[in-house]
Amino acid sequence: MPDIEVAGHEVRVTNPDKVVFPQSGHTKLDLIRYYQAVGEAALRAVHGRPMMLKRFVHGVEQEAFFQKRAPARRPPWIEVAELRYRSGLSAEEVVCTDLAQLVWVVNLGCVDLNPHPVRSDDLAHPDELRIDLDPLPGVPWSDVLATAQVAREVLADHGLVAWPKTSGSRGFHVYARIERRWPFPAVRKAAEAVAREVERRAPGLATSRWWKEERHGVFVDFNQNAYDRTVASAYSVRAVPDARVSTPLAWDEVPGCHPEAFTLDTVPKRLAELGDPWADLDLHAGSLDGLLELAERLGPAPKPPKGTGRRRQTKPVIEIAKAEHRHEAMAGFERWKARHPGAAALLRPADVLVDAMRGRSSVWYRIRVNLEHVPEAERPPQEPLEVDYDPWH
């Protein structure tokens, strides 16, 4: 395909007919046309922010690989910002300030956009507080929405305006724009205070517990505010079979909303008809003082007991598999269930702990099982792993 002109630049689209979403048949060109259609709103969500490149070069049914560093071979009009990490390494990451740069990123195989919560002119002070609501397996969607409302109330009670959006996956996001006065540790501390207060107000609904086997209901994930974390931005298409979009909402839309209604096909029309509910977000930067005072009142977060060395388990958890690909890990879990049918029959959905773990440049998968609902005498012991992948080899 010849170059296309976007924002005054010629952007080459390679393999435009490559199918990115096999279930729906959407191609790379369909994805690019989507981002052009929602361009102003999508760009507003990432403007001036360094972003990690999450590249699905073979479509969404195969694992993505993560690329922090901007490709060395890039057009001269691609902007970058240098982020430094505790390891001593640094990376020049792509920064989008116009639609041509955004389309160039999508052409690399990026389905969703994953910006940091900082702007390139001040990499030390975030301007976003991000709350990621992550339901455990078996938790109804209505509980996720109810938790979002509690998070909204907590933020409002401490001087911040909350902005809701679907995650485009299983969960829900609540953002707050903040003044650029606090470093990452303080922002994370404020977000943890939100999570703990949501749990205090709705103990049967939500949890702030860090260890997955100790959670229930909806996990209020505050760690997305750590220095090296990124979150799929507003109007990002997600790598799920029906091409759902992480879609900003007005709060009166949240009750009864259905995430499957917001897709690559439907969101451009919605945006054209209703406008962007987050258009004024930058006008509402608030202070973290209230949440940091809350954190002091709450005191230190409870820590799990430790033995010598590693954390001592408080639940009877065993490890089943570590695999490069999710289907390999799940196949190992199926073999384990076939070998232990009695124990497997007693497991509840939340007892199966599937973790997507970040490796050097890609995600790998770990499966563990919490046996607390299996009588102690019937619990299978820890056995050699069904799949034992070493992501650091």
Protein backbone atom coordinates (compact mmCIF):
# COMPACT_ATOMS: atom_id res chain seq x y z
CA MET A 1 0.00 0.00 0.00
CA PRO A 2 1.34 3.52 -0.73
CA ASP A 3 1.99 5.92 2.09
CA ILE A 4 -0.98 7.70 3.64
CA GLU A 5 -0.85 11.35 4.63
CA VAL A 6 -1.63 12.02 8.27
CA ALA A 7 -1.07 15.31 10.11
CA GLY A 8 1.27 16.56 7.42
CA HIS A 9 3.45 13.43 7.34
CA GLU A 10 3.62 10.45 5.02
CA VAL A 11 3.08 7.27 7.04
CA ARG A 12 3.81 3.93 5.42
CA VAL A 13 1.32 1.18 6.24
CA THR A 14 2.93 -2.23 5.88
CA ASN A 15 0.80 -5.35 5.32
CA PRO A 16 -2.51 -3.44 5.52
CA ASP A 17 -4.54 -6.60 4.82
CA LYS A 18 -2.96 -8.59 7.67
CA VAL A 19 -5.76 -9.95 9.87
CA VAL A 20 -5.25 -8.72 13.42
CA PHE A 21 -8.52 -10.02 14.90
CA PRO A 22 -9.20 -13.47 13.39
CA GLN A 23 -12.62 -13.84 15.03
CA SER A 24 -14.00 -10.61 13.54
CA GLY A 25 -11.72 -10.44 10.50
CA HIS A 26 -10.51 -6.92 11.27
CA THR A 27 -7.22 -6.07 9.56
CA LYS A 28 -4.36 -3.75 10.37
CA LEU A 29 -5.85 -1.17 8.02
CA ASP A 30 -9.19 -1.42 9.87
CA LEU A 31 -7.31 -0.72 13.10
CA ILE A 32 -5.55 2.28 11.60
CA ARG A 33 -8.82 3.64 10.20
CA TYR A 34 -10.35 3.29 13.67
CA TYR A 35 -7.57 5.35 15.27
CA GLN A 36 -7.93 7.96 12.55
CA ALA A 37 -11.68 8.16 13.25
CA VAL A 38 -11.19 8.67 17.00
CA GLY A 39 -7.90 10.50 16.51
CA GLU A 40 -8.43 13.66 18.55
CA ALA A 41 -9.83 11.81 21.57
CA ALA A 42 -7.27 8.98 21.43
CA LEU A 43 -4.42 11.45 21.03
CA ARG A 44 -5.64 13.51 23.98
CA ALA A 45 -5.22 10.43 26.19
CA VAL A 46 -1.58 9.85 25.22
CA HIS A 47 -0.40 13.32 24.20
CA GLY A 48 3.14 14.02 25.35
CA ARG A 49 3.40 10.76 27.30
CA PRO A 50 6.20 8.22 26.78
CA MET A 51 4.68 4.88 25.90
CA MET A 52 5.75 1.28 25.98
CA LEU A 53 5.18 -0.50 22.67
CA LYS A 54 3.12 -3.67 23.06
CA ARG A 55 3.43 -5.27 19.64
CA PHE A 56 1.12 -7.99 18.30
CA VAL A 57 3.07 -8.67 15.14
CA HIS A 58 1.15 -11.90 14.43
CA GLY A 59 -2.33 -10.77 15.50
CA VAL A 60 -4.06 -10.84 18.87
CA GLU A 61 -4.25 -14.63 19.13
CA GLN A 62 -0.49 -14.82 19.61
CA GLU A 63 1.49 -13.31 22.44
CA ALA A 64 2.66 -9.73 22.20
CA PHE A 65 6.20 -8.67 22.90
CA PHE A 66 7.06 -5.53 24.84
CA GLN A 67 9.43 -2.93 23.53
CA LYS A 68 10.46 -0.02 25.69
CA ARG A 69 13.02 1.42 23.32
CA ALA A 70 11.84 3.22 20.21
CA PRO A 71 13.05 1.46 17.06
CA ALA A 72 16.42 2.77 15.95
CA ARG A 73 15.13 3.06 12.39
CA ARG A 74 12.34 5.58 12.67
CA PRO A 75 11.24 8.71 10.82
CA PRO A 76 12.89 11.93 12.00
CA TRP A 77 9.52 13.28 13.12
CA ILE A 78 9.04 10.57 15.75
CA GLU A 79 9.56 12.09 19.20
CA VAL A 80 11.14 10.24 22.13
CA ALA A 81 11.81 10.76 25.82
CA GLU A 82 14.51 9.01 27.85
CA LEU A 83 13.30 7.12 30.91
CA ARG A 84 15.83 5.85 33.46
CA TYR A 85 15.23 2.75 35.56
CA ARG A 86 16.48 1.55 38.93
CA SER A 87 18.58 -1.07 37.17
CA GLY A 88 20.71 1.74 35.83
CA LEU A 89 19.47 1.22 32.29
CA SER A 90 17.61 3.78 30.26
CA ALA A 91 15.31 3.69 27.26
CA GLU A 92 14.19 6.24 24.73
CA GLU A 93 10.44 5.67 24.48
CA VAL A 94 8.09 6.95 21.80
CA VAL A 95 6.08 10.08 22.57
CA CYS A 96 2.99 10.89 20.48
CA THR A 97 2.01 14.52 20.00
CA ASP A 98 0.22 14.20 16.65
CA LEU A 99 -1.89 11.65 14.84
CA ALA A 100 0.87 10.70 12.40
CA GLN A 101 3.03 9.48 15.28
CA LEU A 102 0.10 7.54 16.71
CA VAL A 103 -0.64 5.84 13.36
CA TRP A 104 3.06 5.01 12.98
CA VAL A 105 2.93 3.24 16.38
CA VAL A 106 -0.17 1.26 15.37
CA ASN A 107 1.55 0.19 12.15
CA LEU A 108 4.28 -1.42 14.27
CA GLY A 109 1.65 -3.88 15.52
CA CYS A 110 0.47 -2.00 18.59
CA VAL A 111 -3.22 -2.72 19.13
CA ASP A 112 -3.60 -0.77 22.36
CA LEU A 113 -1.64 2.28 23.49
CA ASN A 114 0.21 2.04 26.81
CA PRO A 115 1.42 5.43 28.06
CA HIS A 116 3.10 6.27 31.34
CA PRO A 117 1.24 8.60 33.73
CA VAL A 118 3.77 11.40 33.12
CA ARG A 119 4.46 13.95 30.40
CA SER A 120 7.80 14.07 28.63
CA ASP A 121 8.61 17.54 30.00
CA ASP A 122 8.51 16.24 33.60
CA LEU A 123 9.14 12.52 33.93
CA ALA A 124 9.37 12.61 37.73
CA HIS A 125 5.89 13.85 38.60
CA PRO A 126 2.76 12.00 37.39
CA ASP A 127 -0.36 13.94 36.45
CA GLU A 128 -2.69 10.91 36.60
CA LEU A 129 -3.80 8.69 39.46
CA ARG A 130 -5.03 5.40 38.03
CA ILE A 131 -7.25 2.83 39.76
CA ASP A 132 -7.65 -0.51 37.99
CA LEU A 133 -10.59 -2.61 39.18
CA ASP A 134 -9.77 -6.26 38.54
CA PRO A 135 -12.52 -8.80 39.37
CA LEU A 136 -11.60 -12.29 40.50
CA PRO A 137 -13.04 -15.17 38.43
CA GLY A 138 -16.73 -15.63 39.09
CA VAL A 139 -17.33 -12.06 40.27
CA PRO A 140 -20.34 -10.50 38.49
CA TRP A 141 -19.91 -7.37 36.39
CA SER A 142 -22.43 -5.56 38.61
CA ASP A 143 -19.93 -5.84 41.50
CA VAL A 144 -17.26 -4.19 39.37
CA LEU A 145 -19.56 -1.25 38.61
CA ALA A 146 -20.58 -0.97 42.26
CA THR A 147 -16.91 -0.86 43.27
CA ALA A 148 -16.30 1.88 40.71
CA GLN A 149 -18.97 3.97 42.38
CA VAL A 150 -17.32 3.52 45.78
CA ALA A 151 -13.96 4.54 44.30
CA ARG A 152 -15.63 7.65 42.87
CA GLU A 153 -16.99 8.55 46.29
CA VAL A 154 -13.60 8.07 47.96
CA LEU A 155 -11.88 10.30 45.42
CA ALA A 156 -14.59 12.97 45.67
CA ASP A 157 -14.45 12.95 49.47
CA HIS A 158 -10.72 13.73 49.23
CA GLY A 159 -10.92 16.51 46.66
CA LEU A 160 -10.51 14.71 43.34
CA VAL A 161 -12.77 14.34 40.32
CA ALA A 162 -13.12 10.72 39.15
CA TRP A 163 -13.29 9.76 35.49
CA PRO A 164 -14.61 6.28 34.54
CA LYS A 165 -13.83 4.08 31.56
CA THR A 166 -14.20 0.46 30.64
CA SER A 167 -10.87 -1.33 30.50
CA GLY A 168 -11.84 -3.12 27.29
CA SER A 169 -11.09 -6.39 29.07
CA ARG A 170 -12.53 -7.87 32.28
CA GLY A 171 -12.18 -4.84 34.51
CA PHE A 172 -12.83 -1.14 34.84
CA HIS A 173 -10.64 1.96 35.21
CA VAL A 174 -11.15 5.05 37.34
CA TYR A 175 -8.75 7.96 36.75
CA ALA A 176 -8.15 11.27 38.49
CA ARG A 177 -6.15 14.15 37.06
CA ILE A 178 -3.67 15.46 39.65
CA GLU A 179 -1.34 18.41 39.92
CA ARG A 180 2.26 17.61 39.01
CA ARG A 181 3.66 18.09 42.50
CA TRP A 182 4.23 14.59 43.85
CA PRO A 183 6.77 11.88 42.90
CA PHE A 184 5.77 8.33 42.05
CA PRO A 185 6.03 6.89 45.61
CA ALA A 186 3.59 9.50 46.92
CA VAL A 187 1.15 8.91 44.05
CA ARG A 188 1.28 5.16 44.67
CA LYS A 189 0.76 5.75 48.40
CA ALA A 190 -2.30 7.88 47.62
CA ALA A 191 -3.69 5.20 45.28
CA GLU A 192 -3.15 2.53 47.95
CA ALA A 193 -5.09 4.71 50.38
CA VAL A 194 -7.96 4.80 47.86
CA ALA A 195 -7.88 1.01 47.61
CA ARG A 196 -7.84 0.50 51.37
CA GLU A 197 -10.67 3.00 51.91
CA VAL A 198 -12.77 1.35 49.19
CA GLU A 199 -12.24 -1.98 50.96
CA ARG A 200 -13.15 -0.42 54.32
CA ARG A 201 -16.37 1.04 52.93
CA ALA A 202 -17.36 -2.06 50.95
CA PRO A 203 -15.62 -5.02 52.67
CA GLY A 204 -17.83 -7.65 51.06
CA LEU A 205 -17.34 -6.20 47.62
CA ALA A 206 -13.72 -5.16 47.21
CA THR A 207 -10.22 -5.97 48.38
CA SER A 208 -6.89 -4.20 48.49
CA ARG A 209 -4.94 -7.33 49.42
CA TRP A 210 -1.77 -7.59 47.40
CA TRP A 211 -1.38 -11.39 47.39
CA LYS A 212 -3.79 -12.94 44.93
CA GLU A 213 -4.69 -15.96 47.06
CA GLU A 214 -5.85 -13.61 49.84
CA ARG A 215 -8.23 -11.60 47.65
CA HIS A 216 -11.97 -11.73 47.20
CA GLY A 217 -14.42 -9.88 45.00
CA VAL A 218 -12.93 -6.95 43.06
CA PHE A 219 -9.25 -6.18 43.53
CA VAL A 220 -8.61 -2.43 43.67
CA ASP A 221 -5.22 -2.41 41.99
CA PHE A 222 -3.17 0.57 43.14
CA ASN A 223 0.19 -0.64 41.81
CA GLN A 224 -0.55 0.69 38.32
CA ASN A 225 0.86 3.94 39.74
CA ALA A 226 4.38 2.55 40.15
CA TYR A 227 7.16 4.09 38.09
CA ASP A 228 7.43 1.42 35.41
CA ARG A 229 3.72 0.62 34.98
CA THR A 230 1.54 1.51 32.03
CA VAL A 231 -2.19 1.14 31.44
CA ALA A 232 -4.15 0.91 28.18
CA SER A 233 -5.26 4.45 27.44
CA ALA A 234 -8.69 5.84 26.67
CA TYR A 235 -9.94 4.74 23.23
CA SER A 236 -7.37 1.95 23.00
CA VAL A 237 -8.55 -1.14 21.17
CA ARG A 238 -7.79 -4.19 23.31
CA ALA A 239 -6.40 -7.51 22.18
CA VAL A 240 -9.58 -9.49 22.84
CA PRO A 241 -11.45 -11.48 20.17
CA ASP A 242 -14.28 -8.97 19.63
CA ALA A 243 -11.95 -5.91 19.45
CA ARG A 244 -13.36 -4.12 22.47
CA VAL A 245 -12.31 -0.58 23.24
CA SER A 246 -11.31 0.98 26.55
CA THR A 247 -14.08 3.56 26.45
CA PRO A 248 -14.54 6.72 28.55
CA LEU A 249 -18.01 7.09 30.03
CA ALA A 250 -20.06 9.68 31.85
CA TRP A 251 -20.96 8.55 35.37
CA ASP A 252 -24.66 8.36 34.53
CA GLU A 253 -23.75 5.77 31.89
CA VAL A 254 -21.90 3.50 34.30
CA PRO A 255 -24.84 1.69 35.96
CA GLY A 256 -25.90 -1.05 33.60
CA CYS A 257 -23.18 -0.43 31.00
CA HIS A 258 -21.97 -3.43 29.02
CA PRO A 259 -18.31 -3.54 27.94
CA GLU A 260 -19.08 -5.67 24.90
CA ALA A 261 -21.08 -2.76 23.46
CA PHE A 262 -17.92 -0.68 22.97
CA THR A 263 -15.90 -2.04 20.06
CA LEU A 264 -13.76 -0.99 17.14
CA ASP A 265 -16.95 -0.87 15.05
CA THR A 266 -19.23 1.04 17.46
CA VAL A 267 -17.02 3.54 19.28
CA PRO A 268 -16.31 5.91 16.33
CA LYS A 269 -20.06 6.42 15.83
CA ARG A 270 -20.60 6.88 19.57
CA LEU A 271 -17.82 9.47 19.71
CA ALA A 272 -19.18 11.34 16.69
CA GLU A 273 -22.68 11.47 18.15
CA LEU A 274 -21.99 12.04 21.86
CA GLY A 275 -18.54 13.57 21.95
CA ASP A 276 -15.77 12.59 24.37
CA PRO A 277 -16.92 12.40 28.02
CA TRP A 278 -13.30 13.00 29.02
CA ALA A 279 -12.80 16.11 26.88
CA ASP A 280 -12.47 18.37 29.94
CA LEU A 281 -10.37 16.06 32.09
CA ASP A 282 -7.31 18.35 31.99
CA LEU A 283 -9.35 21.17 33.52
CA HIS A 284 -9.81 19.26 36.78
CA ALA A 285 -6.33 18.64 38.16
CA GLY A 286 -6.58 18.23 41.93
CA SER A 287 -4.45 17.84 45.00
CA LEU A 288 -3.26 14.60 46.63
CA ASP A 289 -3.10 16.21 50.06
CA GLY A 290 -6.42 14.69 51.13
CA LEU A 291 -5.48 11.16 50.13
CA LEU A 292 -2.01 11.42 51.69
CA GLU A 293 -3.62 12.55 54.93
CA LEU A 294 -5.95 9.55 54.67
CA ALA A 295 -2.92 7.30 54.21
CA GLU A 296 -1.42 8.66 57.43
CA ARG A 297 -4.67 8.07 59.32
CA LEU A 298 -4.95 4.52 58.02
CA GLY A 299 -1.38 3.78 59.06
CA PRO A 300 0.88 1.19 57.43
CA ALA A 301 -0.89 -1.36 55.25
CA PRO A 302 -1.05 -4.84 56.82
CA LYS A 303 1.77 -7.02 55.61
CA PRO A 304 1.57 -10.80 55.18
CA PRO A 305 3.60 -12.79 57.72
CA LYS A 306 7.10 -13.73 56.69
CA GLY A 307 9.25 -16.66 57.58
CA THR A 308 12.95 -16.73 56.93
CA GLY A 309 13.61 -15.50 53.42
CA ARG A 310 10.51 -15.67 51.26
CA ARG A 311 6.97 -14.80 52.35
CA ARG A 312 5.30 -17.54 54.38
CA GLN A 313 2.07 -18.71 52.73
CA THR A 314 -1.12 -18.17 54.70
CA LYS A 315 -3.12 -20.33 52.26
CA PRO A 316 -2.51 -23.91 51.04
CA VAL A 317 -1.32 -22.88 47.57
CA ILE A 318 0.52 -25.18 45.20
CA GLU A 319 2.08 -24.36 41.85
CA ILE A 320 0.94 -26.23 38.74
CA ALA A 321 2.70 -24.74 35.73
CA LYS A 322 4.97 -22.01 34.42
CA ALA A 323 4.69 -21.67 30.64
CA GLU A 324 5.71 -19.39 27.84
CA HIS A 325 2.17 -19.39 26.43
CA ARG A 326 -1.20 -19.39 28.17
CA HIS A 327 -2.53 -22.40 26.28
CA GLU A 328 0.48 -24.46 27.42
CA ALA A 329 -0.12 -23.49 31.03
CA MET A 330 -3.84 -24.30 30.79
CA ALA A 331 -3.09 -27.65 29.17
CA GLY A 332 -0.85 -28.45 32.13
CA PHE A 333 -3.65 -27.48 34.50
CA GLU A 334 -6.06 -29.81 32.67
CA ARG A 335 -3.59 -32.68 33.13
CA TRP A 336 -3.37 -31.88 36.84
CA LYS A 337 -7.19 -31.89 37.13
CA ALA A 338 -7.38 -35.26 35.35
CA ARG A 339 -4.89 -36.67 37.84
CA HIS A 340 -6.70 -35.20 40.87
CA PRO A 341 -10.42 -35.16 39.91
CA GLY A 342 -11.69 -35.15 43.48
CA ALA A 343 -9.74 -32.06 44.48
CA ALA A 344 -10.46 -30.36 41.15
CA ALA A 345 -14.20 -30.78 41.68
CA LEU A 346 -14.02 -28.83 44.95
CA LEU A 347 -12.18 -25.81 43.52
CA ARG A 348 -14.05 -22.54 43.21
CA PRO A 349 -13.36 -20.16 40.32
CA ALA A 350 -11.25 -17.83 42.47
CA ASP A 351 -9.13 -20.76 43.69
CA VAL A 352 -7.45 -21.07 40.30
CA LEU A 353 -4.76 -18.38 40.23
CA VAL A 354 -3.68 -17.57 36.67
CA ASP A 355 -0.93 -14.96 36.61
CA ALA A 356 0.33 -13.17 33.52
CA MET A 357 3.92 -12.40 34.49
CA ARG A 358 6.10 -9.79 32.81
CA GLY A 359 9.34 -11.23 31.45
CA ARG A 360 12.20 -9.44 29.73
CA SER A 361 10.20 -8.63 26.62
CA SER A 362 7.01 -10.69 26.79
CA VAL A 363 4.41 -12.11 29.14
CA TRP A 364 4.66 -15.65 30.51
CA TYR A 365 2.04 -17.54 32.52
CA ARG A 366 1.96 -19.15 35.93
CA ILE A 367 -0.88 -21.27 37.32
CA ARG A 368 -1.31 -21.94 41.02
CA VAL A 369 -4.17 -23.53 42.94
CA ASN A 370 -5.49 -22.53 46.35
CA LEU A 371 -6.63 -25.73 48.08
CA GLU A 372 -8.39 -24.13 51.05
CA HIS A 373 -11.77 -25.54 49.94
CA VAL A 374 -10.36 -29.07 49.69
CA PRO A 375 -10.31 -31.04 52.97
CA GLU A 376 -6.75 -31.17 54.28
CA ALA A 377 -6.52 -34.95 54.04
CA GLU A 378 -7.52 -34.81 50.36
CA ARG A 379 -5.17 -32.06 49.23
CA PRO A 380 -2.68 -33.09 46.55
CA PRO A 381 0.93 -32.31 47.46
CA GLN A 382 3.23 -30.03 45.54
CA GLU A 383 4.45 -32.03 42.56
CA PRO A 384 6.93 -31.36 39.76
CA LEU A 385 5.46 -28.68 37.52
CA GLU A 386 3.42 -29.78 34.53
CA VAL A 387 5.31 -27.17 32.51
CA ASP A 388 8.45 -25.57 33.91
CA TYR A 389 9.38 -22.60 31.73
CA ASP A 390 12.28 -20.38 32.76
CA PRO A 391 11.50 -16.87 31.48
CA TRP A 392 15.00 -15.64 32.37
CA HIS A 393 16.94 -18.37 30.58
